Amino acid sequence: MDRLPASGQLTTTPDDPKAVVTDSAAAATAWATGRRTYNGAISVDTDGNPLPTLGAQAKAAGKATGMVTTAQVTDASPAAFFANAADRGKQDEIARQYLADSTPDVILGGGEDWWLPAGTEGAFPDKPAEDTGEGSRGTKGNLIAKAKRSGYTYVTSAKEPDQARGGKLL
């Protein structure tokens, strides 16, 4: 990298009168939009207005897009590239935006609970012994079923993507 002809720098300090240390939502917003915002915000300006995201711009330009993360796919860092939310905690709304607005081709990571209505078990059981507080908590309907109807192949293990044939992957 030191031999490349050009380099760039990005400051992710939040535009937040209450904080000088950036959280992941504000930092990812700076990466994904080129604009600073307040902590807890995902790709919105300091007034809460949506900002154009890198993922949505790439999609609009006809590029294949996606995210792969070890976090929940609706977590602040991956979300900033494909969604807009004044509150990073609105993870079911972020999932809804992926399907309705930005439509990334690949969405791989954790967070099934935000894609299903409260009380609806998915591929992973609600309230397992090792984490009884874990469970489905969405408020936007069954987004996994909606994703399937929209052409996504839903996978729940590391081996399943190998069997997927074209199309979108969730």
C-alpha atoms as a PDB file:
ATOM      1  CA  MET A   1       0.000   0.000   0.000  1.00  0.00           C
ATOM      2  CA  ASP A   2       2.842   2.382   0.730  1.00  0.00           C
ATOM      3  CA  ARG A   3       3.903   2.240  -2.927  1.00  0.00           C
ATOM      4  CA  LEU A   4       0.524   3.138  -4.406  1.00  0.00           C
ATOM      5  CA  PRO A   5       0.502   6.459  -6.279  1.00  0.00           C
ATOM      6  CA  ALA A   6      -2.358   7.901  -4.223  1.00  0.00           C
ATOM      7  CA  SER A   7      -3.927   7.479  -0.821  1.00  0.00           C
ATOM      8  CA  GLY A   8      -6.936   8.847   0.955  1.00  0.00           C
ATOM      9  CA  GLN A   9      -8.020   9.650   4.457  1.00  0.00           C
ATOM     10  CA  LEU A  10     -11.406   9.703   6.079  1.00  0.00           C
ATOM     11  CA  THR A  11     -12.370  11.230   9.380  1.00  0.00           C
ATOM     12  CA  THR A  12     -15.197   9.459  11.129  1.00  0.00           C
ATOM     13  CA  THR A  13     -15.514  11.823  14.096  1.00  0.00           C
ATOM     14  CA  PRO A  14     -19.255  12.163  14.710  1.00  0.00           C
ATOM     15  CA  ASP A  15     -21.186  15.345  14.072  1.00  0.00           C
ATOM     16  CA  ASP A  16     -22.624  14.926  17.539  1.00  0.00           C
ATOM     17  CA  PRO A  17     -22.643  17.596  20.251  1.00  0.00           C
ATOM     18  CA  LYS A  18     -22.947  14.878  22.912  1.00  0.00           C
ATOM     19  CA  ALA A  19     -19.951  12.757  21.887  1.00  0.00           C
ATOM     20  CA  VAL A  20     -16.440  13.112  20.528  1.00  0.00           C
ATOM     21  CA  VAL A  21     -15.885   9.368  20.151  1.00  0.00           C
ATOM     22  CA  THR A  22     -17.596   7.782  17.178  1.00  0.00           C
ATOM     23  CA  ASP A  23     -19.768   4.695  17.453  1.00  0.00           C
ATOM     24  CA  SER A  24     -19.955   2.140  14.644  1.00  0.00           C
ATOM     25  CA  ALA A  25     -23.170   3.619  13.192  1.00  0.00           C
ATOM     26  CA  ALA A  26     -21.700   7.086  12.707  1.00  0.00           C
ATOM     27  CA  ALA A  27     -18.354   5.680  11.526  1.00  0.00           C
ATOM     28  CA  ALA A  28     -19.966   3.380   8.957  1.00  0.00           C
ATOM     29  CA  THR A  29     -22.146   6.277   7.790  1.00  0.00           C
ATOM     30  CA  ALA A  30     -19.002   8.296   7.080  1.00  0.00           C
ATOM     31  CA  TRP A  31     -17.602   5.360   5.056  1.00  0.00           C
ATOM     32  CA  ALA A  32     -20.853   4.658   3.213  1.00  0.00           C
ATOM     33  CA  THR A  33     -21.974   8.220   2.470  1.00  0.00           C
ATOM     34  CA  GLY A  34     -18.972  10.508   2.864  1.00  0.00           C
ATOM     35  CA  ARG A  35     -20.907  12.532   5.471  1.00  0.00           C
ATOM     36  CA  ARG A  36     -20.604  12.677   9.238  1.00  0.00           C
ATOM     37  CA  THR A  37     -23.626  12.147  11.458  1.00  0.00           C
ATOM     38  CA  TYR A  38     -24.525  11.653  15.114  1.00  0.00           C
ATOM     39  CA  ASN A  39     -23.870   8.468  17.066  1.00  0.00           C
ATOM     40  CA  GLY A  40     -26.632   5.926  16.672  1.00  0.00           C
ATOM     41  CA  ALA A  41     -27.635   7.145  13.204  1.00  0.00           C
ATOM     42  CA  ILE A  42     -27.290   5.066  10.052  1.00  0.00           C
ATOM     43  CA  SER A  43     -26.809   6.964   6.798  1.00  0.00           C
ATOM     44  CA  VAL A  44     -28.919   9.957   7.749  1.00  0.00           C
ATOM     45  CA  ASP A  45     -27.753  13.545   8.188  1.00  0.00           C
ATOM     46  CA  THR A  46     -27.880  15.334  11.531  1.00  0.00           C
ATOM     47  CA  ASP A  47     -31.511  16.285  10.862  1.00  0.00           C
ATOM     48  CA  GLY A  48     -32.453  12.641  10.224  1.00  0.00           C
ATOM     49  CA  ASN A  49     -32.766  12.998   6.446  1.00  0.00           C
ATOM     50  CA  PRO A  50     -31.648   9.956   4.395  1.00  0.00           C
ATOM     51  CA  LEU A  51     -28.258  10.169   2.688  1.00  0.00           C
ATOM     52  CA  PRO A  52     -27.367   8.328  -0.533  1.00  0.00           C
ATOM     53  CA  THR A  53     -25.430   5.161   0.351  1.00  0.00           C
ATOM     54  CA  LEU A  54     -22.579   3.566  -1.531  1.00  0.00           C
ATOM     55  CA  GLY A  55     -24.433   0.252  -1.832  1.00  0.00           C
ATOM     56  CA  ALA A  56     -27.575   1.843  -3.228  1.00  0.00           C
ATOM     57  CA  GLN A  57     -25.534   3.936  -5.666  1.00  0.00           C
ATOM     58  CA  ALA A  58     -23.669   0.851  -6.894  1.00  0.00           C
ATOM     59  CA  LYS A  59     -26.978  -0.975  -7.353  1.00  0.00           C
ATOM     60  CA  ALA A  60     -28.431   1.974  -9.280  1.00  0.00           C
ATOM     61  CA  ALA A  61     -25.352   1.866 -11.525  1.00  0.00           C
ATOM     62  CA  GLY A  62     -26.150  -1.755 -12.419  1.00  0.00           C
ATOM     63  CA  LYS A  63     -23.486  -3.364 -10.238  1.00  0.00           C
ATOM     64  CA  ALA A  64     -23.931  -6.555  -8.267  1.00  0.00           C
ATOM     65  CA  THR A  65     -23.984  -5.620  -4.592  1.00  0.00           C
ATOM     66  CA  GLY A  66     -23.918  -7.301  -1.253  1.00  0.00           C
ATOM     67  CA  MET A  67     -22.606  -7.613   2.261  1.00  0.00           C
ATOM     68  CA  VAL A  68     -20.933 -10.395   4.151  1.00  0.00           C
ATOM     69  CA  THR A  69     -20.474  -9.913   7.884  1.00  0.00           C
ATOM     70  CA  THR A  70     -19.847 -11.855  11.058  1.00  0.00           C
ATOM     71  CA  ALA A  71     -22.315  -9.515  12.783  1.00  0.00           C
ATOM     72  CA  GLN A  72     -26.049  -9.316  12.288  1.00  0.00           C
ATOM     73  CA  VAL A  73     -26.699  -8.145   8.737  1.00  0.00           C
ATOM     74  CA  THR A  74     -28.873  -5.378  10.170  1.00  0.00           C
ATOM     75  CA  ASP A  75     -26.130  -4.205  12.546  1.00  0.00           C
ATOM     76  CA  ALA A  76     -24.937  -0.618  12.107  1.00  0.00           C
ATOM     77  CA  SER A  77     -21.737  -1.269  10.147  1.00  0.00           C
ATOM     78  CA  PRO A  78     -23.186  -3.314   7.273  1.00  0.00           C
ATOM     79  CA  ALA A  79     -26.509  -1.439   7.384  1.00  0.00           C
ATOM     80  CA  ALA A  80     -24.919   1.927   6.631  1.00  0.00           C
ATOM     81  CA  PHE A  81     -24.122   0.781   3.092  1.00  0.00           C
ATOM     82  CA  PHE A  82     -27.714  -0.170   2.195  1.00  0.00           C
ATOM     83  CA  ALA A  83     -30.187   1.481   4.608  1.00  0.00           C
ATOM     84  CA  ASN A  84     -31.111   4.737   6.323  1.00  0.00           C
ATOM     85  CA  ALA A  85     -32.236   4.877   9.943  1.00  0.00           C
ATOM     86  CA  ALA A  86     -32.257   7.659  12.508  1.00  0.00           C
ATOM     87  CA  ASP A  87     -31.954   4.931  15.175  1.00  0.00           C
ATOM     88  CA  ARG A  88     -29.564   2.006  14.763  1.00  0.00           C
ATOM     89  CA  GLY A  89     -31.876  -0.105  16.939  1.00  0.00           C
ATOM     90  CA  LYS A  90     -34.545  -0.278  14.204  1.00  0.00           C
ATOM     91  CA  GLN A  91     -33.035  -3.463  12.797  1.00  0.00           C
ATOM     92  CA  ASP A  92     -36.303  -4.860  11.457  1.00  0.00           C
ATOM     93  CA  GLU A  93     -36.823  -1.622   9.515  1.00  0.00           C
ATOM     94  CA  ILE A  94     -33.291  -1.964   8.143  1.00  0.00           C
ATOM     95  CA  ALA A  95     -34.089  -5.509   6.975  1.00  0.00           C
ATOM     96  CA  ARG A  96     -37.290  -4.240   5.367  1.00  0.00           C
ATOM     97  CA  GLN A  97     -35.326  -1.559   3.492  1.00  0.00           C
ATOM     98  CA  TYR A  98     -32.918  -4.169   2.127  1.00  0.00           C
ATOM     99  CA  LEU A  99     -35.835  -5.924   0.437  1.00  0.00           C
ATOM    100  CA  ALA A 100     -37.934  -2.925  -0.572  1.00  0.00           C
ATOM    101  CA  ASP A 101     -35.379  -0.241  -1.382  1.00  0.00           C
ATOM    102  CA  SER A 102     -31.703  -1.112  -1.817  1.00  0.00           C
ATOM    103  CA  THR A 103     -32.057  -4.825  -2.764  1.00  0.00           C
ATOM    104  CA  PRO A 104     -28.461  -6.042  -2.340  1.00  0.00           C
ATOM    105  CA  ASP A 105     -27.844  -9.263  -4.252  1.00  0.00           C
ATOM    106  CA  VAL A 106     -26.041 -10.939  -1.362  1.00  0.00           C
ATOM    107  CA  ILE A 107     -26.922 -10.535   2.325  1.00  0.00           C
ATOM    108  CA  LEU A 108     -24.875 -12.940   4.451  1.00  0.00           C
ATOM    109  CA  GLY A 109     -24.430 -12.802   8.219  1.00  0.00           C
ATOM    110  CA  GLY A 110     -26.412 -13.255  11.395  1.00  0.00           C
ATOM    111  CA  GLY A 111     -29.593 -11.735  12.704  1.00  0.00           C
ATOM    112  CA  GLU A 112     -32.459 -13.991  11.643  1.00  0.00           C
ATOM    113  CA  ASP A 113     -34.493 -12.708  14.612  1.00  0.00           C
ATOM    114  CA  TRP A 114     -35.012  -9.283  13.027  1.00  0.00           C
ATOM    115  CA  TRP A 115     -36.451 -10.856   9.866  1.00  0.00           C
ATOM    116  CA  LEU A 116     -39.238 -12.743  11.647  1.00  0.00           C
ATOM    117  CA  PRO A 117     -42.218 -11.582  13.733  1.00  0.00           C
ATOM    118  CA  ALA A 118     -41.957 -12.026  17.483  1.00  0.00           C
ATOM    119  CA  GLY A 119     -42.851 -15.599  18.372  1.00  0.00           C
ATOM    120  CA  THR A 120     -42.029 -17.002  14.917  1.00  0.00           C
ATOM    121  CA  GLU A 121     -39.182 -19.480  15.057  1.00  0.00           C
ATOM    122  CA  GLY A 122     -36.898 -19.635  12.073  1.00  0.00           C
ATOM    123  CA  ALA A 123     -34.022 -21.982  11.288  1.00  0.00           C
ATOM    124  CA  PHE A 124     -32.628 -21.299  14.754  1.00  0.00           C
ATOM    125  CA  PRO A 125     -34.752 -21.941  17.854  1.00  0.00           C
ATOM    126  CA  ASP A 126     -36.010 -19.103  20.021  1.00  0.00           C
ATOM    127  CA  LYS A 127     -34.900 -19.141  23.669  1.00  0.00           C
ATOM    128  CA  PRO A 128     -32.200 -21.829  23.493  1.00  0.00           C
ATOM    129  CA  ALA A 129     -30.762 -22.951  26.846  1.00  0.00           C
ATOM    130  CA  GLU A 130     -27.516 -21.059  26.256  1.00  0.00           C
ATOM    131  CA  ASP A 131     -29.347 -17.765  25.595  1.00  0.00           C
ATOM    132  CA  THR A 132     -32.939 -17.709  26.806  1.00  0.00           C
ATOM    133  CA  GLY A 133     -33.295 -14.036  25.893  1.00  0.00           C
ATOM    134  CA  GLU A 134     -32.707 -14.824  22.211  1.00  0.00           C
ATOM    135  CA  GLY A 135     -35.748 -14.877  19.977  1.00  0.00           C
ATOM    136  CA  SER A 136     -37.540 -13.462  16.970  1.00  0.00           C
ATOM    137  CA  ARG A 137     -38.459  -9.809  17.447  1.00  0.00           C
ATOM    138  CA  GLY A 138     -39.398  -8.263  14.112  1.00  0.00           C
ATOM    139  CA  THR A 139     -42.391  -5.997  13.605  1.00  0.00           C
ATOM    140  CA  LYS A 140     -42.413  -5.865   9.786  1.00  0.00           C
ATOM    141  CA  GLY A 141     -43.931  -9.276   9.024  1.00  0.00           C
ATOM    142  CA  ASN A 142     -42.114 -12.375   7.840  1.00  0.00           C
ATOM    143  CA  LEU A 143     -39.305 -10.779   5.871  1.00  0.00           C
ATOM    144  CA  ILE A 144     -37.671 -14.133   5.135  1.00  0.00           C
ATOM    145  CA  ALA A 145     -40.804 -15.256   3.308  1.00  0.00           C
ATOM    146  CA  LYS A 146     -40.914 -11.909   1.507  1.00  0.00           C
ATOM    147  CA  ALA A 147     -37.247 -12.295   0.517  1.00  0.00           C
ATOM    148  CA  LYS A 148     -37.952 -15.750  -0.910  1.00  0.00           C
ATOM    149  CA  ARG A 149     -40.872 -14.367  -2.926  1.00  0.00           C
ATOM    150  CA  SER A 150     -38.515 -11.662  -4.204  1.00  0.00           C
ATOM    151  CA  GLY A 151     -36.060 -14.241  -5.554  1.00  0.00           C
ATOM    152  CA  TYR A 152     -33.655 -14.672  -2.658  1.00  0.00           C
ATOM    153  CA  THR A 153     -32.390 -18.119  -1.751  1.00  0.00           C
ATOM    154  CA  TYR A 154     -32.413 -18.332   2.049  1.00  0.00           C
ATOM    155  CA  VAL A 155     -29.423 -20.188   3.509  1.00  0.00           C
ATOM    156  CA  THR A 156     -28.701 -20.985   7.143  1.00  0.00           C
ATOM    157  CA  SER A 157     -25.382 -22.831   7.098  1.00  0.00           C
ATOM    158  CA  ALA A 158     -21.926 -22.405   5.604  1.00  0.00           C
ATOM    159  CA  LYS A 159     -22.525 -25.266   3.140  1.00  0.00           C
ATOM    160  CA  GLU A 160     -25.832 -24.079   1.679  1.00  0.00           C
ATOM    161  CA  PRO A 161     -24.488 -21.218  -0.483  1.00  0.00           C
ATOM    162  CA  ASP A 162     -22.565 -23.842  -2.480  1.00  0.00           C
ATOM    163  CA  GLN A 163     -25.882 -25.334  -3.618  1.00  0.00           C
ATOM    164  CA  ALA A 164     -27.427 -21.966  -4.524  1.00  0.00           C
ATOM    165  CA  ARG A 165     -27.704 -21.436  -8.261  1.00  0.00           C
ATOM    166  CA  GLY A 166     -27.747 -17.827  -9.353  1.00  0.00           C
ATOM    167  CA  GLY A 167     -30.088 -15.163  -8.148  1.00  0.00           C
ATOM    168  CA  LYS A 168     -30.002 -13.429  -4.807  1.00  0.00           C
ATOM    169  CA  LEU A 169     -28.705 -14.896  -1.571  1.00  0.00           C
ATOM    170  CA  LEU A 170     -29.903 -14.275   1.999  1.00  0.00           C
END
